[in-house]
Amino acid sequence: MDERIVETERRPETPTHTTTVIRERGSSGGTGIVMALVLLVAVVGGLYLFSRQNESEALRDNAVANAANDVGKAADKVGDAAQDAASNLGSKDK
């Protein structure tokens, strides 16, 4: 039997370097402007809806008042008709 010796040469491992770069951006101001515009639109929309609701309530109140007026006028007419009928009955009896 033959004896064999095998020699292998290994290079030393090169150290692995990992570099992590973290970049922080400052706010460019564009985001703030967009948020301000969105907030402004929301406030204006809310005011518009609030004013429309108040206007709607006023219209409803006016409609109820007009209806009550009409009912009052109709009641007056019925009362006048009843008085006329009573007067006519009274004058026929004589």
N, C-alpha and C. Protein backbone atom coordinates (compact mmCIF):
# COMPACT_ATOMS: atom_id res chain seq x y z
N MET A 1 0.79 -1.14 0.00
CA MET A 1 0.00 0.00 0.00
C MET A 1 0.86 1.24 0.00
N ASP A 2 0.38 2.11 -0.83
CA ASP A 2 1.13 3.36 -0.92
C ASP A 2 0.52 4.38 0.01
N GLU A 3 1.35 5.06 0.61
CA GLU A 3 0.88 6.13 1.44
C GLU A 3 0.96 7.42 0.66
N ARG A 4 -0.18 8.11 0.66
CA ARG A 4 -0.18 9.38 -0.05
C ARG A 4 -0.57 10.48 0.92
N ILE A 5 0.05 11.53 0.80
CA ILE A 5 -0.26 12.70 1.61
C ILE A 5 -0.71 13.78 0.64
N VAL A 6 -1.89 14.28 0.95
CA VAL A 6 -2.44 15.33 0.11
C VAL A 6 -2.46 16.61 0.95
N GLU A 7 -1.88 17.61 0.44
CA GLU A 7 -1.87 18.90 1.12
C GLU A 7 -2.69 19.89 0.31
N THR A 8 -3.61 20.58 0.98
CA THR A 8 -4.38 21.62 0.31
C THR A 8 -4.08 22.94 1.00
N GLU A 9 -3.98 23.90 0.20
CA GLU A 9 -3.66 25.21 0.74
C GLU A 9 -4.95 26.03 0.80
N ARG A 10 -5.22 26.55 1.94
CA ARG A 10 -6.41 27.36 2.11
C ARG A 10 -6.01 28.80 2.32
N ARG A 11 -6.76 29.60 1.61
CA ARG A 11 -6.52 31.02 1.82
C ARG A 11 -7.27 31.44 3.08
N PRO A 12 -6.73 32.35 3.79
CA PRO A 12 -7.48 32.82 4.96
C PRO A 12 -8.73 33.57 4.50
N GLU A 13 -9.78 33.34 5.20
CA GLU A 13 -11.05 33.98 4.82
C GLU A 13 -10.92 35.48 4.98
N THR A 14 -11.41 36.14 3.95
CA THR A 14 -11.38 37.60 4.03
C THR A 14 -12.56 38.04 4.88
N PRO A 15 -12.33 38.97 5.73
CA PRO A 15 -13.44 39.41 6.58
C PRO A 15 -14.52 40.07 5.72
N THR A 16 -15.78 39.78 6.07
CA THR A 16 -16.92 40.34 5.35
C THR A 16 -17.34 41.62 6.06
N HIS A 17 -17.37 42.70 5.30
CA HIS A 17 -17.78 43.98 5.87
C HIS A 17 -19.14 44.35 5.29
N THR A 18 -20.07 44.69 6.15
CA THR A 18 -21.38 45.14 5.72
C THR A 18 -21.54 46.59 6.18
N THR A 19 -21.85 47.41 5.24
CA THR A 19 -22.05 48.83 5.57
C THR A 19 -23.52 49.16 5.36
N THR A 20 -24.14 49.71 6.38
CA THR A 20 -25.54 50.12 6.30
C THR A 20 -25.59 51.63 6.35
N VAL A 21 -26.23 52.19 5.35
CA VAL A 21 -26.36 53.65 5.29
C VAL A 21 -27.81 54.00 5.51
N ILE A 22 -28.08 54.85 6.48
CA ILE A 22 -29.44 55.29 6.77
C ILE A 22 -29.51 56.77 6.44
N ARG A 23 -30.42 57.08 5.55
CA ARG A 23 -30.59 58.48 5.17
C ARG A 23 -31.93 58.97 5.70
N GLU A 24 -31.89 60.02 6.42
CA GLU A 24 -33.12 60.61 6.94
C GLU A 24 -33.39 61.88 6.16
N ARG A 25 -34.58 61.93 5.62
CA ARG A 25 -34.95 63.12 4.87
C ARG A 25 -35.71 64.06 5.78
N GLY A 26 -35.47 65.29 5.64
CA GLY A 26 -36.25 66.30 6.34
C GLY A 26 -37.52 66.54 5.53
N SER A 27 -38.55 66.98 6.21
CA SER A 27 -39.81 67.26 5.51
C SER A 27 -39.58 68.41 4.56
N SER A 28 -40.01 68.21 3.33
CA SER A 28 -39.75 69.23 2.32
C SER A 28 -40.78 70.35 2.37
N GLY A 29 -41.81 70.22 3.19
CA GLY A 29 -42.83 71.26 3.27
C GLY A 29 -43.99 70.99 2.35
N GLY A 30 -43.82 70.21 1.33
CA GLY A 30 -44.89 69.88 0.40
C GLY A 30 -45.99 69.10 1.09
N THR A 31 -45.62 68.22 1.98
CA THR A 31 -46.60 67.43 2.72
C THR A 31 -47.44 68.34 3.61
N GLY A 32 -46.82 69.29 4.24
CA GLY A 32 -47.54 70.22 5.10
C GLY A 32 -48.54 71.06 4.32
N ILE A 33 -48.16 71.47 3.13
CA ILE A 33 -49.06 72.27 2.30
C ILE A 33 -50.26 71.44 1.86
N VAL A 34 -50.02 70.21 1.47
CA VAL A 34 -51.12 69.33 1.04
C VAL A 34 -52.07 69.09 2.20
N MET A 35 -51.53 68.84 3.38
CA MET A 35 -52.38 68.60 4.55
C MET A 35 -53.19 69.85 4.90
N ALA A 36 -52.59 71.02 4.77
CA ALA A 36 -53.30 72.27 5.05
C ALA A 36 -54.44 72.47 4.06
N LEU A 37 -54.21 72.14 2.79
CA LEU A 37 -55.26 72.28 1.78
C LEU A 37 -56.41 71.31 2.05
N VAL A 38 -56.09 70.08 2.42
CA VAL A 38 -57.12 69.09 2.72
C VAL A 38 -57.95 69.56 3.92
N LEU A 39 -57.28 70.08 4.93
CA LEU A 39 -57.99 70.58 6.11
C LEU A 39 -58.88 71.77 5.75
N LEU A 40 -58.39 72.66 4.90
CA LEU A 40 -59.18 73.81 4.48
C LEU A 40 -60.43 73.38 3.72
N VAL A 41 -60.28 72.42 2.83
CA VAL A 41 -61.43 71.93 2.07
C VAL A 41 -62.45 71.28 3.01
N ALA A 42 -61.97 70.54 4.00
CA ALA A 42 -62.88 69.88 4.95
C ALA A 42 -63.64 70.93 5.77
N VAL A 43 -62.97 71.99 6.20
CA VAL A 43 -63.63 73.03 6.99
C VAL A 43 -64.67 73.76 6.15
N VAL A 44 -64.30 74.11 4.92
CA VAL A 44 -65.25 74.82 4.04
C VAL A 44 -66.46 73.93 3.74
N GLY A 45 -66.22 72.65 3.48
CA GLY A 45 -67.32 71.72 3.24
C GLY A 45 -68.23 71.60 4.44
N GLY A 46 -67.65 71.54 5.63
CA GLY A 46 -68.45 71.45 6.85
C GLY A 46 -69.31 72.70 7.06
N LEU A 47 -68.73 73.87 6.81
CA LEU A 47 -69.49 75.11 6.94
C LEU A 47 -70.63 75.17 5.93
N TYR A 48 -70.38 74.71 4.71
CA TYR A 48 -71.41 74.70 3.68
C TYR A 48 -72.57 73.79 4.09
N LEU A 49 -72.24 72.59 4.55
CA LEU A 49 -73.29 71.65 4.96
C LEU A 49 -74.06 72.19 6.16
N PHE A 50 -73.37 72.83 7.09
CA PHE A 50 -74.04 73.39 8.26
C PHE A 50 -75.00 74.50 7.86
N SER A 51 -74.57 75.35 6.93
CA SER A 51 -75.44 76.44 6.50
C SER A 51 -76.65 75.90 5.73
N ARG A 52 -76.45 74.86 4.94
CA ARG A 52 -77.57 74.25 4.21
C ARG A 52 -78.57 73.62 5.18
N GLN A 53 -78.06 73.03 6.24
CA GLN A 53 -78.95 72.40 7.23
C GLN A 53 -79.78 73.48 7.92
N ASN A 54 -79.15 74.60 8.28
CA ASN A 54 -79.90 75.69 8.93
C ASN A 54 -80.93 76.27 7.98
N GLU A 55 -80.57 76.39 6.70
CA GLU A 55 -81.51 76.91 5.71
C GLU A 55 -82.69 75.96 5.55
N SER A 56 -82.41 74.68 5.55
CA SER A 56 -83.45 73.67 5.42
C SER A 56 -84.41 73.73 6.61
N GLU A 57 -83.86 73.91 7.81
CA GLU A 57 -84.71 74.01 8.99
C GLU A 57 -85.59 75.26 8.92
N ALA A 58 -85.04 76.36 8.43
CA ALA A 58 -85.82 77.59 8.32
C ALA A 58 -86.95 77.41 7.31
N LEU A 59 -86.65 76.76 6.19
CA LEU A 59 -87.69 76.51 5.19
C LEU A 59 -88.79 75.62 5.75
N ARG A 60 -88.40 74.62 6.51
CA ARG A 60 -89.38 73.72 7.12
C ARG A 60 -90.25 74.47 8.11
N ASP A 61 -89.61 75.30 8.93
CA ASP A 61 -90.37 76.08 9.92
C ASP A 61 -91.36 77.02 9.22
N ASN A 62 -90.92 77.65 8.13
CA ASN A 62 -91.82 78.53 7.38
C ASN A 62 -92.99 77.75 6.78
N ALA A 63 -92.70 76.55 6.28
CA ALA A 63 -93.78 75.73 5.70
C ALA A 63 -94.80 75.35 6.77
N VAL A 64 -94.33 75.01 7.96
CA VAL A 64 -95.24 74.65 9.06
C VAL A 64 -96.08 75.86 9.46
N ALA A 65 -95.44 77.03 9.52
CA ALA A 65 -96.18 78.25 9.89
C ALA A 65 -97.23 78.58 8.84
N ASN A 66 -96.89 78.44 7.57
CA ASN A 66 -97.86 78.70 6.50
C ASN A 66 -99.02 77.71 6.55
N ALA A 67 -98.72 76.46 6.83
CA ALA A 67 -99.78 75.46 6.93
C ALA A 67 -100.71 75.78 8.11
N ALA A 68 -100.12 76.21 9.22
CA ALA A 68 -100.94 76.57 10.38
C ALA A 68 -101.82 77.78 10.05
N ASN A 69 -101.29 78.72 9.30
CA ASN A 69 -102.08 79.87 8.86
C ASN A 69 -103.26 79.43 8.00
N ASP A 70 -102.98 78.52 7.07
CA ASP A 70 -104.04 78.02 6.19
C ASP A 70 -105.13 77.30 6.99
N VAL A 71 -104.71 76.52 7.97
CA VAL A 71 -105.68 75.81 8.81
C VAL A 71 -106.51 76.82 9.59
N GLY A 72 -105.87 77.87 10.08
CA GLY A 72 -106.60 78.91 10.81
C GLY A 72 -107.61 79.61 9.92
N LYS A 73 -107.24 79.91 8.70
CA LYS A 73 -108.16 80.55 7.75
C LYS A 73 -109.33 79.63 7.44
N ALA A 74 -109.04 78.35 7.27
CA ALA A 74 -110.11 77.39 6.98
C ALA A 74 -111.06 77.29 8.17
N ALA A 75 -110.52 77.31 9.37
CA ALA A 75 -111.37 77.25 10.57
C ALA A 75 -112.25 78.49 10.66
N ASP A 76 -111.69 79.65 10.30
CA ASP A 76 -112.50 80.88 10.29
C ASP A 76 -113.65 80.76 9.29
N LYS A 77 -113.36 80.21 8.12
CA LYS A 77 -114.40 80.06 7.09
C LYS A 77 -115.49 79.11 7.57
N VAL A 78 -115.08 78.02 8.22
CA VAL A 78 -116.07 77.07 8.74
C VAL A 78 -116.92 77.74 9.81
N GLY A 79 -116.29 78.53 10.67
CA GLY A 79 -117.03 79.24 11.72
C GLY A 79 -118.01 80.23 11.12
N ASP A 80 -117.58 80.96 10.09
CA ASP A 80 -118.48 81.91 9.43
C ASP A 80 -119.65 81.19 8.77
N ALA A 81 -119.36 80.06 8.15
CA ALA A 81 -120.43 79.30 7.50
C ALA A 81 -121.42 78.78 8.54
N ALA A 82 -120.92 78.35 9.69
CA ALA A 82 -121.81 77.86 10.75
C ALA A 82 -122.68 79.00 11.27
N GLN A 83 -122.10 80.18 11.42
CA GLN A 83 -122.90 81.32 11.87
C GLN A 83 -123.96 81.69 10.85
N ASP A 84 -123.59 81.67 9.57
CA ASP A 84 -124.57 81.96 8.52
C ASP A 84 -125.71 80.93 8.53
N ALA A 85 -125.32 79.67 8.70
CA ALA A 85 -126.35 78.62 8.73
C ALA A 85 -127.27 78.81 9.93
N ALA A 86 -126.69 79.16 11.07
CA ALA A 86 -127.51 79.38 12.27
C ALA A 86 -128.41 80.60 12.08
N SER A 87 -127.91 81.62 11.46
CA SER A 87 -128.71 82.82 11.20
C SER A 87 -129.86 82.50 10.25
N ASN A 88 -129.56 81.72 9.25
CA ASN A 88 -130.60 81.34 8.29
C ASN A 88 -131.68 80.49 8.94
N LEU A 89 -131.29 79.60 9.83
CA LEU A 89 -132.28 78.79 10.54
C LEU A 89 -133.14 79.67 11.46
N GLY A 90 -132.50 80.60 12.12
CA GLY A 90 -133.22 81.49 13.02
C GLY A 90 -134.19 82.40 12.30
N SER A 91 -133.86 82.86 11.12
CA SER A 91 -134.74 83.76 10.39
C SER A 91 -135.88 82.98 9.74
N LYS A 92 -135.70 81.71 9.45
CA LYS A 92 -136.77 80.90 8.86
C LYS A 92 -137.81 80.53 9.90
N ASP A 93 -137.43 80.45 11.14
CA ASP A 93 -138.34 80.07 12.21
C ASP A 93 -139.33 81.19 12.50
N LYS A 94 -139.07 82.40 12.15
CA LYS A 94 -139.95 83.51 12.49
C LYS A 94 -140.99 83.72 11.50
